[in-house]
Amino acid sequence: MTIQPTVQKKNGRLREGKGFSKGELRKVGIDFKQAVRLAIPIDLRRKTKHEENIKTLKQYLKSLKPSKPRKKRKSRAD
């Protein structure tokens, strides 16, 4: 599942962005390394924080289920 941010052009229209800004990631509570690990696209040139993108990130993080640690198997002692 890939997520794509929306960016406002100069004429006011919306288009797909290249990645989320650092400010948007901070608002959601994700740092740079976590975003890279989760394959969230980051655009280092952007400075804006769009509420729509923040909502998109929050929704995406809710959809990810935290993986449970695997249980160790009991060793067979014959």
N, C-alpha and C. Protein backbone atom coordinates (compact mmCIF):
# COMPACT_ATOMS: atom_id res chain seq x y z
N MET A 1 0.85 -1.18 0.00
CA MET A 1 0.00 0.00 0.00
C MET A 1 0.90 1.24 0.00
N THR A 2 0.73 2.09 -0.96
CA THR A 2 1.51 3.32 -1.01
C THR A 2 0.60 4.50 -0.72
N ILE A 3 1.15 5.50 -0.09
CA ILE A 3 0.39 6.71 0.19
C ILE A 3 1.04 7.86 -0.54
N GLN A 4 0.24 8.79 -0.98
CA GLN A 4 0.71 9.92 -1.76
C GLN A 4 0.14 11.20 -1.17
N PRO A 5 0.98 12.19 -0.88
CA PRO A 5 0.47 13.45 -0.36
C PRO A 5 -0.11 14.32 -1.48
N THR A 6 -0.93 15.29 -1.11
CA THR A 6 -1.42 16.26 -2.08
C THR A 6 -0.75 17.60 -1.81
N VAL A 7 -0.46 18.31 -2.88
CA VAL A 7 0.22 19.60 -2.79
C VAL A 7 -0.58 20.61 -3.58
N GLN A 8 -0.64 21.84 -3.09
CA GLN A 8 -1.37 22.89 -3.76
C GLN A 8 -0.45 23.63 -4.73
N LYS A 9 -0.88 23.74 -5.98
CA LYS A 9 -0.12 24.47 -6.98
C LYS A 9 -0.34 25.97 -6.80
N LYS A 10 0.40 26.77 -7.55
CA LYS A 10 0.29 28.23 -7.44
C LYS A 10 -1.08 28.75 -7.84
N ASN A 11 -1.73 28.06 -8.78
CA ASN A 11 -3.06 28.52 -9.21
C ASN A 11 -4.18 28.01 -8.31
N GLY A 12 -3.84 27.30 -7.21
CA GLY A 12 -4.83 26.86 -6.26
C GLY A 12 -5.32 25.43 -6.46
N ARG A 13 -4.93 24.82 -7.56
CA ARG A 13 -5.35 23.44 -7.81
C ARG A 13 -4.48 22.47 -7.02
N LEU A 14 -5.02 21.30 -6.77
CA LEU A 14 -4.28 20.27 -6.05
C LEU A 14 -3.68 19.28 -7.03
N ARG A 15 -2.51 18.75 -6.67
CA ARG A 15 -1.87 17.71 -7.46
C ARG A 15 -1.19 16.74 -6.50
N GLU A 16 -0.76 15.59 -7.03
CA GLU A 16 -0.03 14.64 -6.21
C GLU A 16 1.36 15.17 -5.92
N GLY A 17 1.78 15.05 -4.67
CA GLY A 17 3.11 15.51 -4.29
C GLY A 17 4.13 14.39 -4.39
N LYS A 18 5.39 14.76 -4.23
CA LYS A 18 6.47 13.77 -4.29
C LYS A 18 6.69 13.10 -2.94
N GLY A 19 6.32 13.77 -1.86
CA GLY A 19 6.50 13.19 -0.54
C GLY A 19 5.95 14.13 0.53
N PHE A 20 5.95 13.64 1.76
CA PHE A 20 5.45 14.42 2.89
C PHE A 20 6.57 15.30 3.43
N SER A 21 6.22 16.46 3.99
CA SER A 21 7.21 17.37 4.53
C SER A 21 7.61 16.91 5.94
N LYS A 22 8.75 17.43 6.40
CA LYS A 22 9.21 17.08 7.75
C LYS A 22 8.22 17.54 8.81
N GLY A 23 7.61 18.71 8.58
CA GLY A 23 6.63 19.25 9.53
C GLY A 23 5.41 18.35 9.66
N GLU A 24 4.96 17.80 8.55
CA GLU A 24 3.81 16.89 8.58
C GLU A 24 4.16 15.61 9.34
N LEU A 25 5.37 15.13 9.13
CA LEU A 25 5.80 13.93 9.86
C LEU A 25 5.89 14.21 11.36
N ARG A 26 6.40 15.39 11.73
CA ARG A 26 6.50 15.75 13.15
C ARG A 26 5.13 15.85 13.80
N LYS A 27 4.16 16.43 13.08
CA LYS A 27 2.80 16.58 13.62
C LYS A 27 2.18 15.22 13.95
N VAL A 28 2.51 14.21 13.14
CA VAL A 28 1.95 12.88 13.35
C VAL A 28 2.75 12.12 14.41
N GLY A 29 4.00 12.52 14.64
CA GLY A 29 4.82 11.87 15.66
C GLY A 29 5.77 10.84 15.09
N ILE A 30 6.17 11.03 13.85
CA ILE A 30 7.10 10.11 13.20
C ILE A 30 8.40 10.86 12.92
N ASP A 31 9.53 10.23 13.21
CA ASP A 31 10.78 10.86 12.83
C ASP A 31 11.23 10.35 11.46
N PHE A 32 12.30 10.91 10.96
CA PHE A 32 12.77 10.64 9.60
C PHE A 32 13.07 9.14 9.39
N LYS A 33 13.78 8.54 10.35
CA LYS A 33 14.17 7.13 10.21
C LYS A 33 12.95 6.20 10.19
N GLN A 34 11.97 6.48 11.02
CA GLN A 34 10.76 5.66 11.04
C GLN A 34 10.02 5.77 9.72
N ALA A 35 9.98 6.96 9.16
CA ALA A 35 9.30 7.16 7.88
C ALA A 35 9.99 6.37 6.77
N VAL A 36 11.30 6.35 6.79
CA VAL A 36 12.04 5.59 5.78
C VAL A 36 11.77 4.10 5.96
N ARG A 37 11.75 3.64 7.21
CA ARG A 37 11.48 2.22 7.50
C ARG A 37 10.09 1.81 7.05
N LEU A 38 9.12 2.71 7.20
CA LEU A 38 7.73 2.41 6.83
C LEU A 38 7.45 2.69 5.35
N ALA A 39 8.46 3.07 4.60
CA ALA A 39 8.36 3.35 3.16
C ALA A 39 7.40 4.51 2.88
N ILE A 40 7.44 5.53 3.75
CA ILE A 40 6.65 6.73 3.55
C ILE A 40 7.51 7.71 2.76
N PRO A 41 7.02 8.21 1.62
CA PRO A 41 7.83 9.14 0.82
C PRO A 41 8.03 10.47 1.54
N ILE A 42 9.25 11.02 1.45
CA ILE A 42 9.60 12.27 2.11
C ILE A 42 10.13 13.24 1.06
N ASP A 43 9.65 14.48 1.12
CA ASP A 43 10.13 15.53 0.24
C ASP A 43 10.84 16.57 1.12
N LEU A 44 12.16 16.59 1.09
CA LEU A 44 12.92 17.47 1.96
C LEU A 44 12.82 18.94 1.55
N ARG A 45 12.39 19.21 0.32
CA ARG A 45 12.29 20.60 -0.16
C ARG A 45 11.05 21.30 0.36
N ARG A 46 10.00 20.55 0.71
CA ARG A 46 8.74 21.15 1.13
C ARG A 46 8.82 21.67 2.55
N LYS A 47 8.21 22.82 2.80
CA LYS A 47 8.17 23.41 4.14
C LYS A 47 6.74 23.50 4.68
N THR A 48 5.74 23.26 3.82
CA THR A 48 4.35 23.46 4.22
C THR A 48 3.82 22.27 5.00
N LYS A 49 2.74 22.54 5.78
CA LYS A 49 2.06 21.49 6.53
C LYS A 49 0.59 21.54 6.15
N HIS A 50 0.15 20.62 5.32
CA HIS A 50 -1.25 20.57 4.91
C HIS A 50 -2.01 19.62 5.82
N GLU A 51 -3.14 20.08 6.33
CA GLU A 51 -3.96 19.26 7.24
C GLU A 51 -4.42 17.97 6.57
N GLU A 52 -4.71 18.04 5.28
CA GLU A 52 -5.17 16.85 4.55
C GLU A 52 -4.09 15.76 4.56
N ASN A 53 -2.83 16.16 4.42
CA ASN A 53 -1.74 15.20 4.44
C ASN A 53 -1.53 14.61 5.83
N ILE A 54 -1.73 15.42 6.85
CA ILE A 54 -1.60 14.94 8.22
C ILE A 54 -2.68 13.90 8.51
N LYS A 55 -3.91 14.16 8.05
CA LYS A 55 -4.99 13.19 8.22
C LYS A 55 -4.68 11.89 7.47
N THR A 56 -4.12 12.02 6.26
CA THR A 56 -3.76 10.85 5.47
C THR A 56 -2.72 10.01 6.18
N LEU A 57 -1.71 10.65 6.76
CA LEU A 57 -0.67 9.92 7.49
C LEU A 57 -1.23 9.22 8.72
N LYS A 58 -2.09 9.92 9.47
CA LYS A 58 -2.68 9.30 10.67
C LYS A 58 -3.51 8.08 10.30
N GLN A 59 -4.27 8.21 9.22
CA GLN A 59 -5.10 7.08 8.78
C GLN A 59 -4.23 5.91 8.34
N TYR A 60 -3.13 6.19 7.66
CA TYR A 60 -2.21 5.15 7.20
C TYR A 60 -1.58 4.43 8.39
N LEU A 61 -1.18 5.18 9.41
CA LEU A 61 -0.56 4.57 10.58
C LEU A 61 -1.54 3.70 11.35
N LYS A 62 -2.82 4.09 11.37
CA LYS A 62 -3.84 3.26 12.03
C LYS A 62 -4.04 1.95 11.28
N SER A 63 -3.89 2.00 9.96
CA SER A 63 -4.12 0.80 9.16
C SER A 63 -2.99 -0.22 9.33
N LEU A 64 -1.81 0.26 9.73
CA LEU A 64 -0.70 -0.66 9.98
C LEU A 64 -0.93 -1.35 11.32
N LYS A 65 -0.87 -2.63 11.31
CA LYS A 65 -1.04 -3.36 12.55
C LYS A 65 0.34 -3.68 13.12
N PRO A 66 0.54 -3.41 14.41
CA PRO A 66 1.84 -3.73 14.99
C PRO A 66 2.03 -5.24 15.02
N SER A 67 3.17 -5.68 14.58
CA SER A 67 3.42 -7.13 14.55
C SER A 67 3.76 -7.62 15.95
N LYS A 68 3.20 -8.76 16.28
CA LYS A 68 3.46 -9.34 17.58
C LYS A 68 4.78 -10.11 17.52
N PRO A 69 5.54 -10.09 18.61
CA PRO A 69 6.79 -10.86 18.60
C PRO A 69 6.48 -12.35 18.52
N ARG A 70 7.28 -13.04 17.78
CA ARG A 70 7.06 -14.49 17.63
C ARG A 70 7.39 -15.22 18.92
N LYS A 71 6.60 -16.24 19.18
CA LYS A 71 6.86 -17.06 20.35
C LYS A 71 7.96 -18.04 20.02
N LYS A 72 8.83 -18.27 21.00
CA LYS A 72 9.90 -19.24 20.77
C LYS A 72 9.34 -20.64 20.90
N ARG A 73 9.80 -21.48 20.04
CA ARG A 73 9.38 -22.88 20.11
C ARG A 73 10.10 -23.58 21.24
N LYS A 74 9.39 -24.53 21.82
CA LYS A 74 10.03 -25.32 22.85
C LYS A 74 10.97 -26.31 22.18
N SER A 75 12.14 -26.41 22.71
CA SER A 75 13.09 -27.35 22.10
C SER A 75 12.70 -28.77 22.48
N ARG A 76 12.91 -29.67 21.57
CA ARG A 76 12.59 -31.07 21.82
C ARG A 76 13.74 -31.74 22.57
N ALA A 77 13.49 -32.04 23.78
CA ALA A 77 14.50 -32.74 24.58
C ALA A 77 14.10 -34.21 24.65
N ASP A 78 14.81 -35.05 23.93
CA ASP A 78 14.46 -36.48 23.90
C ASP A 78 15.09 -37.25 25.02
